[in-house]
Amino acid sequence: MLINSLLLFIEETLPIFILYAYICAWHSFFDANKKSVQLETKQVKHLAVWFFTLKQDHHSFYFFSIILGLLCSAILTHFRPWLGMTLEGIGYEILLIGVSLSLTASVIFGQTTNNDLVRKLLFSLSLFLLVLPHASDFIVFFTSIGQTQLHASVYVGVSVGLGICISISYLLFFVFINIDKSLPLKLAIALFLAGQLSNIVTVLQQIDVLSSSLPLWNTNNLISDRNEYGQFFHVLIGYDATPTLVYLAVFGASTIIIFTLLMRTKLIEGKSTIHGVVQ
């Protein structure tokens, strides 16, 4: 039960933490255009860094959107049986596809706009959309366990998973804000969004819109989809141990298109600091 709860928690929450880290790193590039105070590398130890420079007001937008997403996910969980019976039994799957497409669009438009308020609102929307289905899945798991017996190992697994997700999120944020160029961050975001879009292939196969095909290869003996490493790389770069041709085509095309759109964004780049990039 400990391992199952740990893996499920990482699977459902790690995308949220990674997207949050990417959004905060992206903000650092824009915030640098408004601040000319250069900070020494030694100041990385300040407490503000551990909260992704929490004094910046965009965090209030994001925290609110996450909390709202958690509340709405509870409502979604309640209506999931009803959604599953609508549209000839594919109502919930259609909702998942719409959420994935809207999530990708909100992140892309949020990163290509120079309007601060619009960017915060779009990024908040993307976090809300990401929280909605993932939190709902975890609530279903938690509820099913609670109907039998809520083992202490479940709480331990959730606590350990939360620590892992926070650590990965902070590490990614720290890495990208200390890189002189925004290109690696754009590529990472493109891979992340492409992985989210590629999940649509699985959904379409579940509702028989796409026929299931044989995988091109199998790397489960190296990195299995069912362990924490496979889940981490799946969220980070869209890794799949048994990819089909359709999956690779969707993932590759999505990565190229999203990365091309992000490259249109012009950012002032220079020396990275804990608060952003200073020329």
C-alpha atoms as a PDB file:
ATOM      1  CA  MET A   1       0.000   0.000   0.000  1.00  0.00           C
ATOM      2  CA  LEU A   2       2.896   2.348   0.762  1.00  0.00           C
ATOM      3  CA  ILE A   3       4.447   1.924  -2.695  1.00  0.00           C
ATOM      4  CA  ASN A   4       1.086   2.156  -4.478  1.00  0.00           C
ATOM      5  CA  SER A   5       0.093   5.374  -2.716  1.00  0.00           C
ATOM      6  CA  LEU A   6       3.554   6.849  -3.274  1.00  0.00           C
ATOM      7  CA  LEU A   7       3.587   6.100  -6.995  1.00  0.00           C
ATOM      8  CA  LEU A   8       0.014   7.285  -7.497  1.00  0.00           C
ATOM      9  CA  PHE A   9       0.663  10.521  -5.615  1.00  0.00           C
ATOM     10  CA  ILE A  10       3.766  11.208  -7.707  1.00  0.00           C
ATOM     11  CA  GLU A  11       1.908  10.365 -10.908  1.00  0.00           C
ATOM     12  CA  GLU A  12      -0.977  12.719 -10.128  1.00  0.00           C
ATOM     13  CA  THR A  13       0.843  15.640  -8.471  1.00  0.00           C
ATOM     14  CA  LEU A  14       4.290  15.785 -10.072  1.00  0.00           C
ATOM     15  CA  PRO A  15       2.953  17.435 -13.283  1.00  0.00           C
ATOM     16  CA  ILE A  16       1.488  20.233 -11.146  1.00  0.00           C
ATOM     17  CA  PHE A  17       4.747  20.857  -9.305  1.00  0.00           C
ATOM     18  CA  ILE A  18       6.793  20.766 -12.500  1.00  0.00           C
ATOM     19  CA  LEU A  19       4.497  23.186 -14.314  1.00  0.00           C
ATOM     20  CA  TYR A  20       4.593  25.496 -11.292  1.00  0.00           C
ATOM     21  CA  ALA A  21       8.401  25.456 -11.357  1.00  0.00           C
ATOM     22  CA  TYR A  22       8.468  26.216 -15.093  1.00  0.00           C
ATOM     23  CA  ILE A  23       5.996  29.076 -14.701  1.00  0.00           C
ATOM     24  CA  CYS A  24       7.991  30.605 -11.843  1.00  0.00           C
ATOM     25  CA  ALA A  25      11.216  30.293 -13.833  1.00  0.00           C
ATOM     26  CA  TRP A  26       9.525  31.938 -16.805  1.00  0.00           C
ATOM     27  CA  HIS A  27       8.365  34.787 -14.581  1.00  0.00           C
ATOM     28  CA  SER A  28      11.940  35.356 -13.466  1.00  0.00           C
ATOM     29  CA  PHE A  29      12.890  36.367 -17.001  1.00  0.00           C
ATOM     30  CA  PHE A  30      10.125  38.955 -17.183  1.00  0.00           C
ATOM     31  CA  ASP A  31      10.656  40.224 -13.644  1.00  0.00           C
ATOM     32  CA  ALA A  32      14.308  40.811 -14.496  1.00  0.00           C
ATOM     33  CA  ASN A  33      13.269  43.466 -16.983  1.00  0.00           C
ATOM     34  CA  LYS A  34      11.813  45.490 -14.114  1.00  0.00           C
ATOM     35  CA  LYS A  35      14.628  45.027 -11.621  1.00  0.00           C
ATOM     36  CA  SER A  36      18.173  46.161 -12.087  1.00  0.00           C
ATOM     37  CA  VAL A  37      19.569  45.090  -8.744  1.00  0.00           C
ATOM     38  CA  GLN A  38      22.106  42.352  -9.263  1.00  0.00           C
ATOM     39  CA  LEU A  39      22.325  39.765  -6.514  1.00  0.00           C
ATOM     40  CA  GLU A  40      25.376  37.739  -5.627  1.00  0.00           C
ATOM     41  CA  THR A  41      25.274  33.972  -6.018  1.00  0.00           C
ATOM     42  CA  LYS A  42      25.835  33.579  -2.283  1.00  0.00           C
ATOM     43  CA  GLN A  43      22.388  35.021  -1.615  1.00  0.00           C
ATOM     44  CA  VAL A  44      20.825  31.804  -2.889  1.00  0.00           C
ATOM     45  CA  LYS A  45      20.687  30.656   0.708  1.00  0.00           C
ATOM     46  CA  HIS A  46      18.020  33.254   1.592  1.00  0.00           C
ATOM     47  CA  LEU A  47      14.665  31.863   2.686  1.00  0.00           C
ATOM     48  CA  ALA A  48      12.824  33.656  -0.133  1.00  0.00           C
ATOM     49  CA  VAL A  49      14.355  31.287  -2.674  1.00  0.00           C
ATOM     50  CA  TRP A  50      12.822  28.276  -0.990  1.00  0.00           C
ATOM     51  CA  PHE A  51       9.403  29.716  -1.715  1.00  0.00           C
ATOM     52  CA  PHE A  52      10.231  30.615  -5.336  1.00  0.00           C
ATOM     53  CA  THR A  53      10.668  34.259  -4.268  1.00  0.00           C
ATOM     54  CA  LEU A  54       7.228  34.205  -2.694  1.00  0.00           C
ATOM     55  CA  LYS A  55       7.104  37.981  -2.237  1.00  0.00           C
ATOM     56  CA  GLN A  56       6.190  38.329  -5.909  1.00  0.00           C
ATOM     57  CA  ASP A  57       2.458  38.846  -6.303  1.00  0.00           C
ATOM     58  CA  HIS A  58       1.959  36.263  -9.055  1.00  0.00           C
ATOM     59  CA  HIS A  59       2.116  33.491  -6.465  1.00  0.00           C
ATOM     60  CA  SER A  60      -1.186  34.622  -4.986  1.00  0.00           C
ATOM     61  CA  PHE A  61      -2.801  34.047  -8.390  1.00  0.00           C
ATOM     62  CA  TYR A  62      -1.328  30.555  -8.656  1.00  0.00           C
ATOM     63  CA  PHE A  63      -2.109  29.445  -5.110  1.00  0.00           C
ATOM     64  CA  PHE A  64      -5.707  30.565  -5.542  1.00  0.00           C
ATOM     65  CA  SER A  65      -6.029  28.690  -8.831  1.00  0.00           C
ATOM     66  CA  ILE A  66      -4.628  25.500  -7.258  1.00  0.00           C
ATOM     67  CA  ILE A  67      -7.008  25.732  -4.298  1.00  0.00           C
ATOM     68  CA  LEU A  68      -9.912  26.415  -6.660  1.00  0.00           C
ATOM     69  CA  GLY A  69      -8.835  23.433  -8.755  1.00  0.00           C
ATOM     70  CA  LEU A  70      -8.848  21.188  -5.684  1.00  0.00           C
ATOM     71  CA  LEU A  71     -12.358  22.317  -4.764  1.00  0.00           C
ATOM     72  CA  CYS A  72     -13.651  21.858  -8.298  1.00  0.00           C
ATOM     73  CA  SER A  73     -11.980  18.448  -8.547  1.00  0.00           C
ATOM     74  CA  ALA A  74     -14.127  17.300  -5.619  1.00  0.00           C
ATOM     75  CA  ILE A  75     -17.196  18.415  -7.551  1.00  0.00           C
ATOM     76  CA  LEU A  76     -15.896  16.702 -10.682  1.00  0.00           C
ATOM     77  CA  THR A  77     -15.350  13.483  -8.744  1.00  0.00           C
ATOM     78  CA  HIS A  78     -18.962  13.570  -7.583  1.00  0.00           C
ATOM     79  CA  PHE A  79     -20.245  13.908 -11.150  1.00  0.00           C
ATOM     80  CA  ARG A  80     -17.781  11.499 -12.790  1.00  0.00           C
ATOM     81  CA  PRO A  81     -20.253   8.592 -12.913  1.00  0.00           C
ATOM     82  CA  TRP A  82     -22.782  10.858 -14.628  1.00  0.00           C
ATOM     83  CA  LEU A  83     -20.163  12.193 -17.072  1.00  0.00           C
ATOM     84  CA  GLY A  84     -19.165   8.631 -17.861  1.00  0.00           C
ATOM     85  CA  MET A  85     -22.683   7.927 -19.096  1.00  0.00           C
ATOM     86  CA  THR A  86     -23.050  11.028 -21.281  1.00  0.00           C
ATOM     87  CA  LEU A  87     -22.185  11.238 -24.980  1.00  0.00           C
ATOM     88  CA  GLU A  88     -22.609   7.478 -25.374  1.00  0.00           C
ATOM     89  CA  GLY A  89     -20.277   6.744 -22.488  1.00  0.00           C
ATOM     90  CA  ILE A  90     -17.344   8.948 -23.497  1.00  0.00           C
ATOM     91  CA  GLY A  91     -18.295  12.191 -21.759  1.00  0.00           C
ATOM     92  CA  TYR A  92     -15.459  12.111 -19.235  1.00  0.00           C
ATOM     93  CA  GLU A  93     -12.887  11.240 -21.899  1.00  0.00           C
ATOM     94  CA  ILE A  94     -14.055  14.172 -24.024  1.00  0.00           C
ATOM     95  CA  LEU A  95     -13.628  16.403 -20.979  1.00  0.00           C
ATOM     96  CA  LEU A  96     -10.051  15.146 -20.499  1.00  0.00           C
ATOM     97  CA  ILE A  97      -9.211  15.916 -24.126  1.00  0.00           C
ATOM     98  CA  GLY A  98     -10.664  19.412 -23.825  1.00  0.00           C
ATOM     99  CA  VAL A  99      -8.710  20.033 -20.619  1.00  0.00           C
ATOM    100  CA  SER A 100      -5.429  18.925 -22.237  1.00  0.00           C
ATOM    101  CA  LEU A 101      -5.933  21.165 -25.271  1.00  0.00           C
ATOM    102  CA  SER A 102      -6.974  24.148 -23.138  1.00  0.00           C
ATOM    103  CA  LEU A 103      -4.021  23.604 -20.794  1.00  0.00           C
ATOM    104  CA  THR A 104      -1.556  23.667 -23.676  1.00  0.00           C
ATOM    105  CA  ALA A 105      -3.133  26.747 -25.235  1.00  0.00           C
ATOM    106  CA  SER A 106      -3.161  28.693 -21.959  1.00  0.00           C
ATOM    107  CA  VAL A 107       0.530  27.989 -21.284  1.00  0.00           C
ATOM    108  CA  ILE A 108       1.577  28.925 -24.826  1.00  0.00           C
ATOM    109  CA  PHE A 109      -0.424  32.152 -24.931  1.00  0.00           C
ATOM    110  CA  GLY A 110       0.696  32.989 -21.401  1.00  0.00           C
ATOM    111  CA  GLN A 111       4.328  32.763 -22.447  1.00  0.00           C
ATOM    112  CA  THR A 112       3.942  34.675 -25.679  1.00  0.00           C
ATOM    113  CA  THR A 113       2.165  37.696 -24.193  1.00  0.00           C
ATOM    114  CA  ASN A 114       3.928  40.687 -22.681  1.00  0.00           C
ATOM    115  CA  ASN A 115       0.929  41.776 -20.618  1.00  0.00           C
ATOM    116  CA  ASP A 116       1.582  40.948 -16.958  1.00  0.00           C
ATOM    117  CA  LEU A 117      -2.044  40.526 -15.938  1.00  0.00           C
ATOM    118  CA  VAL A 118      -2.949  38.402 -18.953  1.00  0.00           C
ATOM    119  CA  ARG A 119       0.115  36.214 -18.364  1.00  0.00           C
ATOM    120  CA  LYS A 120      -0.799  35.661 -14.700  1.00  0.00           C
ATOM    121  CA  LEU A 121      -4.404  34.827 -15.561  1.00  0.00           C
ATOM    122  CA  LEU A 122      -3.433  32.381 -18.312  1.00  0.00           C
ATOM    123  CA  PHE A 123      -0.831  30.662 -16.151  1.00  0.00           C
ATOM    124  CA  SER A 124      -3.373  30.471 -13.321  1.00  0.00           C
ATOM    125  CA  LEU A 125      -5.845  28.892 -15.735  1.00  0.00           C
ATOM    126  CA  SER A 126      -3.255  26.326 -16.819  1.00  0.00           C
ATOM    127  CA  LEU A 127      -2.590  25.299 -13.210  1.00  0.00           C
ATOM    128  CA  PHE A 128      -6.322  25.066 -12.541  1.00  0.00           C
ATOM    129  CA  LEU A 129      -6.833  22.843 -15.578  1.00  0.00           C
ATOM    130  CA  LEU A 130      -3.923  20.613 -14.614  1.00  0.00           C
ATOM    131  CA  VAL A 131      -5.082  20.225 -11.012  1.00  0.00           C
ATOM    132  CA  LEU A 132      -8.682  19.414 -11.965  1.00  0.00           C
ATOM    133  CA  PRO A 133      -8.333  15.867 -13.448  1.00  0.00           C
ATOM    134  CA  HIS A 134      -5.255  14.830 -11.466  1.00  0.00           C
ATOM    135  CA  ALA A 135      -6.754  15.723  -8.094  1.00  0.00           C
ATOM    136  CA  SER A 136      -9.984  14.002  -9.087  1.00  0.00           C
ATOM    137  CA  ASP A 137      -8.119  10.763  -9.838  1.00  0.00           C
ATOM    138  CA  PHE A 138      -6.388  10.883  -6.468  1.00  0.00           C
ATOM    139  CA  ILE A 139      -9.662  11.575  -4.658  1.00  0.00           C
ATOM    140  CA  VAL A 140     -11.158   8.477  -6.299  1.00  0.00           C
ATOM    141  CA  PHE A 141      -8.196   6.414  -5.070  1.00  0.00           C
ATOM    142  CA  PHE A 142      -8.319   7.913  -1.585  1.00  0.00           C
ATOM    143  CA  THR A 143     -12.070   7.344  -1.348  1.00  0.00           C
ATOM    144  CA  SER A 144     -11.808   3.716  -2.448  1.00  0.00           C
ATOM    145  CA  ILE A 145      -9.134   3.063   0.167  1.00  0.00           C
ATOM    146  CA  GLY A 146     -11.195   4.809   2.834  1.00  0.00           C
ATOM    147  CA  GLN A 147     -14.156   2.553   2.171  1.00  0.00           C
ATOM    148  CA  THR A 148     -12.111  -0.430   3.332  1.00  0.00           C
ATOM    149  CA  GLN A 149      -9.450   0.737   5.743  1.00  0.00           C
ATOM    150  CA  LEU A 150      -7.246   3.806   5.581  1.00  0.00           C
ATOM    151  CA  HIS A 151      -3.829   2.374   6.331  1.00  0.00           C
ATOM    152  CA  ALA A 152      -1.123   4.501   7.930  1.00  0.00           C
ATOM    153  CA  SER A 153       1.107   3.549   5.004  1.00  0.00           C
ATOM    154  CA  VAL A 154      -1.104   5.647   2.727  1.00  0.00           C
ATOM    155  CA  TYR A 155      -0.314   8.772   4.750  1.00  0.00           C
ATOM    156  CA  VAL A 156       3.365   7.879   4.750  1.00  0.00           C
ATOM    157  CA  GLY A 157       3.316   7.398   0.976  1.00  0.00           C
ATOM    158  CA  VAL A 158       1.577  10.730   0.459  1.00  0.00           C
ATOM    159  CA  SER A 159       4.060  12.513   2.749  1.00  0.00           C
ATOM    160  CA  VAL A 160       7.080  11.000   1.021  1.00  0.00           C
ATOM    161  CA  GLY A 161       5.584  11.733  -2.410  1.00  0.00           C
ATOM    162  CA  LEU A 162       4.939  15.345  -1.438  1.00  0.00           C
ATOM    163  CA  GLY A 163       8.549  15.748  -0.347  1.00  0.00           C
ATOM    164  CA  ILE A 164       9.802  14.248  -3.618  1.00  0.00           C
ATOM    165  CA  CYS A 165       7.584  16.506  -5.723  1.00  0.00           C
ATOM    166  CA  ILE A 166       8.618  19.663  -3.838  1.00  0.00           C
ATOM    167  CA  SER A 167      12.303  18.736  -4.141  1.00  0.00           C
ATOM    168  CA  ILE A 168      12.067  18.095  -7.894  1.00  0.00           C
ATOM    169  CA  SER A 169      10.093  21.291  -8.419  1.00  0.00           C
ATOM    170  CA  TYR A 170      12.612  23.436  -6.557  1.00  0.00           C
ATOM    171  CA  LEU A 171      15.560  21.747  -8.279  1.00  0.00           C
ATOM    172  CA  LEU A 172      14.114  22.450 -11.740  1.00  0.00           C
ATOM    173  CA  PHE A 173      13.375  26.054 -10.787  1.00  0.00           C
ATOM    174  CA  PHE A 174      16.886  26.548  -9.421  1.00  0.00           C
ATOM    175  CA  VAL A 175      18.503  25.025 -12.525  1.00  0.00           C
ATOM    176  CA  PHE A 176      16.615  27.105 -15.072  1.00  0.00           C
ATOM    177  CA  ILE A 177      16.957  30.474 -13.341  1.00  0.00           C
ATOM    178  CA  ASN A 178      20.708  29.962 -13.190  1.00  0.00           C
ATOM    179  CA  ILE A 179      21.048  29.301 -16.916  1.00  0.00           C
ATOM    180  CA  ASP A 180      21.977  32.369 -18.936  1.00  0.00           C
ATOM    181  CA  LYS A 181      19.598  31.581 -21.800  1.00  0.00           C
ATOM    182  CA  SER A 182      15.868  30.937 -21.919  1.00  0.00           C
ATOM    183  CA  LEU A 183      16.246  28.329 -24.697  1.00  0.00           C
ATOM    184  CA  PRO A 184      16.570  25.298 -22.345  1.00  0.00           C
ATOM    185  CA  LEU A 185      13.476  26.408 -20.449  1.00  0.00           C
ATOM    186  CA  LYS A 186      11.487  26.772 -23.672  1.00  0.00           C
ATOM    187  CA  LEU A 187      12.560  23.296 -24.761  1.00  0.00           C
ATOM    188  CA  ALA A 188      11.645  21.825 -21.370  1.00  0.00           C
ATOM    189  CA  ILE A 189       8.205  23.437 -21.488  1.00  0.00           C
ATOM    190  CA  ALA A 190       7.660  22.203 -25.051  1.00  0.00           C
ATOM    191  CA  LEU A 191       8.526  18.631 -24.026  1.00  0.00           C
ATOM    192  CA  PHE A 192       6.275  18.854 -20.969  1.00  0.00           C
ATOM    193  CA  LEU A 193       3.287  20.128 -22.947  1.00  0.00           C
ATOM    194  CA  ALA A 194       3.899  17.632 -25.744  1.00  0.00           C
ATOM    195  CA  GLY A 195       3.815  14.852 -23.165  1.00  0.00           C
ATOM    196  CA  GLN A 196       0.496  16.139 -21.845  1.00  0.00           C
ATOM    197  CA  LEU A 197      -0.948  16.270 -25.355  1.00  0.00           C
ATOM    198  CA  SER A 198       0.335  12.790 -26.154  1.00  0.00           C
ATOM    199  CA  ASN A 199      -1.807  11.419 -23.351  1.00  0.00           C
ATOM    200  CA  ILE A 200      -4.747  12.174 -25.634  1.00  0.00           C
ATOM    201  CA  VAL A 201      -3.627   9.222 -27.773  1.00  0.00           C
ATOM    202  CA  THR A 202      -4.238   6.857 -24.858  1.00  0.00           C
ATOM    203  CA  VAL A 203      -7.634   8.415 -24.189  1.00  0.00           C
ATOM    204  CA  LEU A 204      -8.643   8.070 -27.846  1.00  0.00           C
ATOM    205  CA  GLN A 205      -7.605   4.432 -27.811  1.00  0.00           C
ATOM    206  CA  GLN A 206      -9.701   3.833 -24.710  1.00  0.00           C
ATOM    207  CA  ILE A 207     -12.832   5.106 -26.467  1.00  0.00           C
ATOM    208  CA  ASP A 208     -11.971   3.215 -29.689  1.00  0.00           C
ATOM    209  CA  VAL A 209     -11.434   6.337 -31.788  1.00  0.00           C
ATOM    210  CA  LEU A 210      -7.891   5.141 -32.466  1.00  0.00           C
ATOM    211  CA  SER A 211      -7.089   1.487 -32.829  1.00  0.00           C
ATOM    212  CA  SER A 212      -4.452   0.070 -30.522  1.00  0.00           C
ATOM    213  CA  SER A 213      -1.262  -0.877 -32.313  1.00  0.00           C
ATOM    214  CA  LEU A 214       1.834  -2.810 -31.383  1.00  0.00           C
ATOM    215  CA  PRO A 215       4.609  -0.812 -29.693  1.00  0.00           C
ATOM    216  CA  LEU A 216       7.703  -0.002 -31.718  1.00  0.00           C
ATOM    217  CA  TRP A 217       9.952  -1.112 -28.876  1.00  0.00           C
ATOM    218  CA  ASN A 218       9.894  -2.047 -25.192  1.00  0.00           C
ATOM    219  CA  THR A 219      12.299  -0.487 -22.682  1.00  0.00           C
ATOM    220  CA  ASN A 220      10.568  -1.675 -19.502  1.00  0.00           C
ATOM    221  CA  ASN A 221      13.692  -3.652 -18.664  1.00  0.00           C
ATOM    222  CA  LEU A 222      15.618  -0.353 -18.486  1.00  0.00           C
ATOM    223  CA  ILE A 223      13.064   2.134 -17.133  1.00  0.00           C
ATOM    224  CA  SER A 224       9.631   0.777 -16.419  1.00  0.00           C
ATOM    225  CA  ASP A 225       6.509   2.910 -16.769  1.00  0.00           C
ATOM    226  CA  ARG A 226       5.350   1.563 -13.428  1.00  0.00           C
ATOM    227  CA  ASN A 227       8.192   2.810 -11.227  1.00  0.00           C
ATOM    228  CA  GLU A 228       9.011   6.300  -9.992  1.00  0.00           C
ATOM    229  CA  TYR A 229      11.727   6.860 -12.607  1.00  0.00           C
ATOM    230  CA  GLY A 230       9.402   6.026 -15.472  1.00  0.00           C
ATOM    231  CA  GLN A 231       6.735   8.348 -14.100  1.00  0.00           C
ATOM    232  CA  PHE A 232       9.259  11.131 -13.606  1.00  0.00           C
ATOM    233  CA  PHE A 233      10.567  10.933 -17.163  1.00  0.00           C
ATOM    234  CA  HIS A 234       7.045  10.549 -18.544  1.00  0.00           C
ATOM    235  CA  VAL A 235       6.013  13.856 -16.959  1.00  0.00           C
ATOM    236  CA  LEU A 236       9.290  15.580 -17.743  1.00  0.00           C
ATOM    237  CA  ILE A 237       9.884  14.549 -21.358  1.00  0.00           C
ATOM    238  CA  GLY A 238       6.920  12.359 -22.315  1.00  0.00           C
ATOM    239  CA  TYR A 239       8.798   9.078 -21.849  1.00  0.00           C
ATOM    240  CA  ASP A 240       6.901   5.910 -22.768  1.00  0.00           C
ATOM    241  CA  ALA A 241       8.487   2.472 -22.424  1.00  0.00           C
ATOM    242  CA  THR A 242       6.218   1.012 -25.120  1.00  0.00           C
ATOM    243  CA  PRO A 243       5.457   3.839 -27.570  1.00  0.00           C
ATOM    244  CA  THR A 244       3.336   3.327 -30.650  1.00  0.00           C
ATOM    245  CA  LEU A 245       3.849   5.054 -33.971  1.00  0.00           C
ATOM    246  CA  VAL A 246       0.852   7.309 -33.353  1.00  0.00           C
ATOM    247  CA  TYR A 247       2.170   8.312 -29.928  1.00  0.00           C
ATOM    248  CA  LEU A 248       5.598   9.221 -31.315  1.00  0.00           C
ATOM    249  CA  ALA A 249       4.036  11.142 -34.204  1.00  0.00           C
ATOM    250  CA  VAL A 250       1.820  13.189 -31.890  1.00  0.00           C
ATOM    251  CA  PHE A 251       4.627  13.769 -29.411  1.00  0.00           C
ATOM    252  CA  GLY A 252       7.159  14.779 -32.068  1.00  0.00           C
ATOM    253  CA  ALA A 253       4.788  17.086 -33.940  1.00  0.00           C
ATOM    254  CA  SER A 254       3.578  18.699 -30.699  1.00  0.00           C
ATOM    255  CA  THR A 255       7.134  19.316 -29.499  1.00  0.00           C
ATOM    256  CA  ILE A 256       8.169  20.990 -32.753  1.00  0.00           C
ATOM    257  CA  ILE A 257       5.058  23.170 -33.005  1.00  0.00           C
ATOM    258  CA  ILE A 258       5.070  24.275 -29.357  1.00  0.00           C
ATOM    259  CA  PHE A 259       8.816  24.940 -29.331  1.00  0.00           C
ATOM    260  CA  THR A 260       8.497  27.008 -32.522  1.00  0.00           C
ATOM    261  CA  LEU A 261       5.737  29.100 -30.969  1.00  0.00           C
ATOM    262  CA  LEU A 262       7.735  29.654 -27.777  1.00  0.00           C
ATOM    263  CA  MET A 263      10.791  30.717 -29.761  1.00  0.00           C
ATOM    264  CA  ARG A 264       8.819  33.706 -31.017  1.00  0.00           C
ATOM    265  CA  THR A 265       8.965  35.162 -27.508  1.00  0.00           C
ATOM    266  CA  LYS A 266      11.710  37.733 -27.093  1.00  0.00           C
ATOM    267  CA  LEU A 267      13.300  37.892 -23.672  1.00  0.00           C
ATOM    268  CA  ILE A 268      16.181  39.959 -22.378  1.00  0.00           C
ATOM    269  CA  GLU A 269      18.830  37.462 -21.446  1.00  0.00           C
ATOM    270  CA  GLY A 270      21.943  37.913 -19.421  1.00  0.00           C
ATOM    271  CA  LYS A 271      23.369  36.680 -16.147  1.00  0.00           C
ATOM    272  CA  SER A 272      20.904  34.620 -14.134  1.00  0.00           C
ATOM    273  CA  THR A 273      20.210  35.363 -10.479  1.00  0.00           C
ATOM    274  CA  ILE A 274      17.803  34.021  -7.934  1.00  0.00           C
ATOM    275  CA  HIS A 275      15.224  36.634  -8.909  1.00  0.00           C
ATOM    276  CA  GLY A 276      15.688  36.452 -12.646  1.00  0.00           C
ATOM    277  CA  VAL A 277      18.064  37.607 -15.336  1.00  0.00           C
ATOM    278  CA  VAL A 278      20.086  40.773 -14.981  1.00  0.00           C
ATOM    279  CA  GLN A 279      21.868  42.331 -17.893  1.00  0.00           C
END
